[in-house]
Amino acid sequence: METRFASIRKNFHKIIPLIRFAREEEIKDALKMYKVDLNKGLFRCMVCGDIVNEMNIGMLIKYHDKVLVVCKKESCMEEIDFVKIYDRL
């Protein structure tokens, strides 16, 4: 059985994410900055599976070339936590 310390040590190559908040009017600029185009319909909420676009994005996590998104439904935003995100990176 793996201890918590062993688990952390094994995943030590991952970094603590930089958290950046964007107002609704700043979303397009933030997506452009991270080179993410949500209008192609390729991104799904990592909680509910709905397609995420500029109108319903709640959270974007980018780690190297990997992009995870969460829609802005209250139930999805309440369910997601950084441990779940970290495990998917």
C-alpha atoms as a PDB file:
ATOM      1  CA  MET A   1       0.000   0.000   0.000  1.00  0.00           C
ATOM      2  CA  GLU A   2       1.344   3.372  -1.038  1.00  0.00           C
ATOM      3  CA  THR A   3       1.642   6.019   1.651  1.00  0.00           C
ATOM      4  CA  ARG A   4       0.605   9.604   1.032  1.00  0.00           C
ATOM      5  CA  PHE A   5       4.246  10.681   1.130  1.00  0.00           C
ATOM      6  CA  ALA A   6       5.200   8.046  -1.461  1.00  0.00           C
ATOM      7  CA  SER A   7       2.354   9.202  -3.687  1.00  0.00           C
ATOM      8  CA  ILE A   8       3.467  12.830  -3.452  1.00  0.00           C
ATOM      9  CA  ARG A   9       7.079  11.884  -4.097  1.00  0.00           C
ATOM     10  CA  LYS A  10       6.122   9.798  -7.155  1.00  0.00           C
ATOM     11  CA  ASN A  11       4.227  12.759  -8.619  1.00  0.00           C
ATOM     12  CA  PHE A  12       6.809  15.356  -7.612  1.00  0.00           C
ATOM     13  CA  HIS A  13       7.526  16.160 -11.267  1.00  0.00           C
ATOM     14  CA  LYS A  14       4.180  17.896 -11.443  1.00  0.00           C
ATOM     15  CA  ILE A  15       4.135  21.520 -10.448  1.00  0.00           C
ATOM     16  CA  ILE A  16       1.751  23.601  -8.399  1.00  0.00           C
ATOM     17  CA  PRO A  17      -0.498  25.314 -10.925  1.00  0.00           C
ATOM     18  CA  LEU A  18      -0.501  29.032 -11.500  1.00  0.00           C
ATOM     19  CA  ILE A  19      -3.998  30.269 -10.820  1.00  0.00           C
ATOM     20  CA  ARG A  20      -5.257  33.174 -12.905  1.00  0.00           C
ATOM     21  CA  PHE A  21      -8.740  34.615 -12.666  1.00  0.00           C
ATOM     22  CA  ALA A  22     -10.494  36.273 -15.600  1.00  0.00           C
ATOM     23  CA  ARG A  23     -13.636  38.356 -15.675  1.00  0.00           C
ATOM     24  CA  GLU A  24     -16.219  37.442 -18.304  1.00  0.00           C
ATOM     25  CA  GLU A  25     -15.041  40.247 -20.553  1.00  0.00           C
ATOM     26  CA  GLU A  26     -11.435  38.941 -20.291  1.00  0.00           C
ATOM     27  CA  ILE A  27     -12.170  35.317 -21.254  1.00  0.00           C
ATOM     28  CA  LYS A  28     -11.420  35.713 -24.967  1.00  0.00           C
ATOM     29  CA  ASP A  29      -8.067  37.339 -24.203  1.00  0.00           C
ATOM     30  CA  ALA A  30      -7.185  34.651 -21.655  1.00  0.00           C
ATOM     31  CA  LEU A  31      -8.054  31.868 -24.113  1.00  0.00           C
ATOM     32  CA  LYS A  32      -5.981  33.572 -26.799  1.00  0.00           C
ATOM     33  CA  MET A  33      -3.062  33.926 -24.381  1.00  0.00           C
ATOM     34  CA  TYR A  34      -3.161  30.184 -23.633  1.00  0.00           C
ATOM     35  CA  LYS A  35      -3.753  29.358 -27.330  1.00  0.00           C
ATOM     36  CA  VAL A  36      -7.019  27.531 -26.609  1.00  0.00           C
ATOM     37  CA  ASP A  37      -9.902  27.658 -29.106  1.00  0.00           C
ATOM     38  CA  LEU A  38     -13.114  26.501 -27.442  1.00  0.00           C
ATOM     39  CA  ASN A  39     -15.252  27.273 -30.498  1.00  0.00           C
ATOM     40  CA  LYS A  40     -14.259  24.062 -32.272  1.00  0.00           C
ATOM     41  CA  GLY A  41     -16.318  21.996 -29.819  1.00  0.00           C
ATOM     42  CA  LEU A  42     -13.363  19.787 -28.892  1.00  0.00           C
ATOM     43  CA  PHE A  43     -13.365  20.403 -25.148  1.00  0.00           C
ATOM     44  CA  ARG A  44     -15.704  18.714 -22.689  1.00  0.00           C
ATOM     45  CA  CYS A  45     -16.281  19.476 -19.026  1.00  0.00           C
ATOM     46  CA  MET A  46     -14.194  17.080 -16.950  1.00  0.00           C
ATOM     47  CA  VAL A  47     -17.127  16.730 -14.511  1.00  0.00           C
ATOM     48  CA  CYS A  48     -20.346  16.431 -16.545  1.00  0.00           C
ATOM     49  CA  GLY A  49     -19.026  15.871 -20.066  1.00  0.00           C
ATOM     50  CA  ASP A  50     -20.877  18.794 -21.675  1.00  0.00           C
ATOM     51  CA  ILE A  51     -19.143  20.624 -24.511  1.00  0.00           C
ATOM     52  CA  VAL A  52     -17.455  23.767 -23.163  1.00  0.00           C
ATOM     53  CA  ASN A  53     -17.296  27.005 -25.149  1.00  0.00           C
ATOM     54  CA  GLU A  54     -16.560  30.663 -24.404  1.00  0.00           C
ATOM     55  CA  MET A  55     -20.067  31.170 -23.017  1.00  0.00           C
ATOM     56  CA  ASN A  56     -20.056  28.368 -20.439  1.00  0.00           C
ATOM     57  CA  ILE A  57     -16.412  28.001 -19.369  1.00  0.00           C
ATOM     58  CA  GLY A  58     -15.903  27.991 -15.623  1.00  0.00           C
ATOM     59  CA  MET A  59     -12.311  26.840 -15.298  1.00  0.00           C
ATOM     60  CA  LEU A  60      -9.406  26.121 -17.633  1.00  0.00           C
ATOM     61  CA  ILE A  61      -6.350  24.181 -16.553  1.00  0.00           C
ATOM     62  CA  LYS A  62      -3.362  24.100 -18.896  1.00  0.00           C
ATOM     63  CA  TYR A  63      -0.283  22.031 -18.149  1.00  0.00           C
ATOM     64  CA  HIS A  64       2.252  21.911 -20.979  1.00  0.00           C
ATOM     65  CA  ASP A  65       0.152  20.735 -23.959  1.00  0.00           C
ATOM     66  CA  LYS A  66      -2.673  19.259 -21.889  1.00  0.00           C
ATOM     67  CA  VAL A  67      -5.859  21.301 -21.430  1.00  0.00           C
ATOM     68  CA  LEU A  68      -8.670  20.440 -19.008  1.00  0.00           C
ATOM     69  CA  VAL A  69     -11.877  22.459 -18.720  1.00  0.00           C
ATOM     70  CA  VAL A  70     -14.840  22.660 -16.376  1.00  0.00           C
ATOM     71  CA  CYS A  71     -18.132  24.248 -17.363  1.00  0.00           C
ATOM     72  CA  LYS A  72     -19.582  26.997 -15.187  1.00  0.00           C
ATOM     73  CA  LYS A  73     -22.559  25.002 -13.916  1.00  0.00           C
ATOM     74  CA  GLU A  74     -22.672  25.466 -10.168  1.00  0.00           C
ATOM     75  CA  SER A  75     -22.790  21.694  -9.595  1.00  0.00           C
ATOM     76  CA  CYS A  76     -19.612  21.155 -11.650  1.00  0.00           C
ATOM     77  CA  MET A  77     -17.743  24.027 -10.019  1.00  0.00           C
ATOM     78  CA  GLU A  78     -18.668  22.703  -6.565  1.00  0.00           C
ATOM     79  CA  GLU A  79     -17.645  19.142  -7.390  1.00  0.00           C
ATOM     80  CA  ILE A  80     -14.227  19.869  -8.880  1.00  0.00           C
ATOM     81  CA  ASP A  81     -11.179  20.152  -6.662  1.00  0.00           C
ATOM     82  CA  PHE A  82      -7.461  20.452  -7.245  1.00  0.00           C
ATOM     83  CA  VAL A  83      -6.796  16.835  -6.242  1.00  0.00           C
ATOM     84  CA  LYS A  84      -8.980  15.612  -9.127  1.00  0.00           C
ATOM     85  CA  ILE A  85      -7.294  18.027 -11.514  1.00  0.00           C
ATOM     86  CA  TYR A  86      -3.813  17.085 -10.308  1.00  0.00           C
ATOM     87  CA  ASP A  87      -4.497  13.386 -10.841  1.00  0.00           C
ATOM     88  CA  ARG A  88      -5.405  14.017 -14.510  1.00  0.00           C
ATOM     89  CA  LEU A  89      -2.264  15.967 -15.364  1.00  0.00           C
END
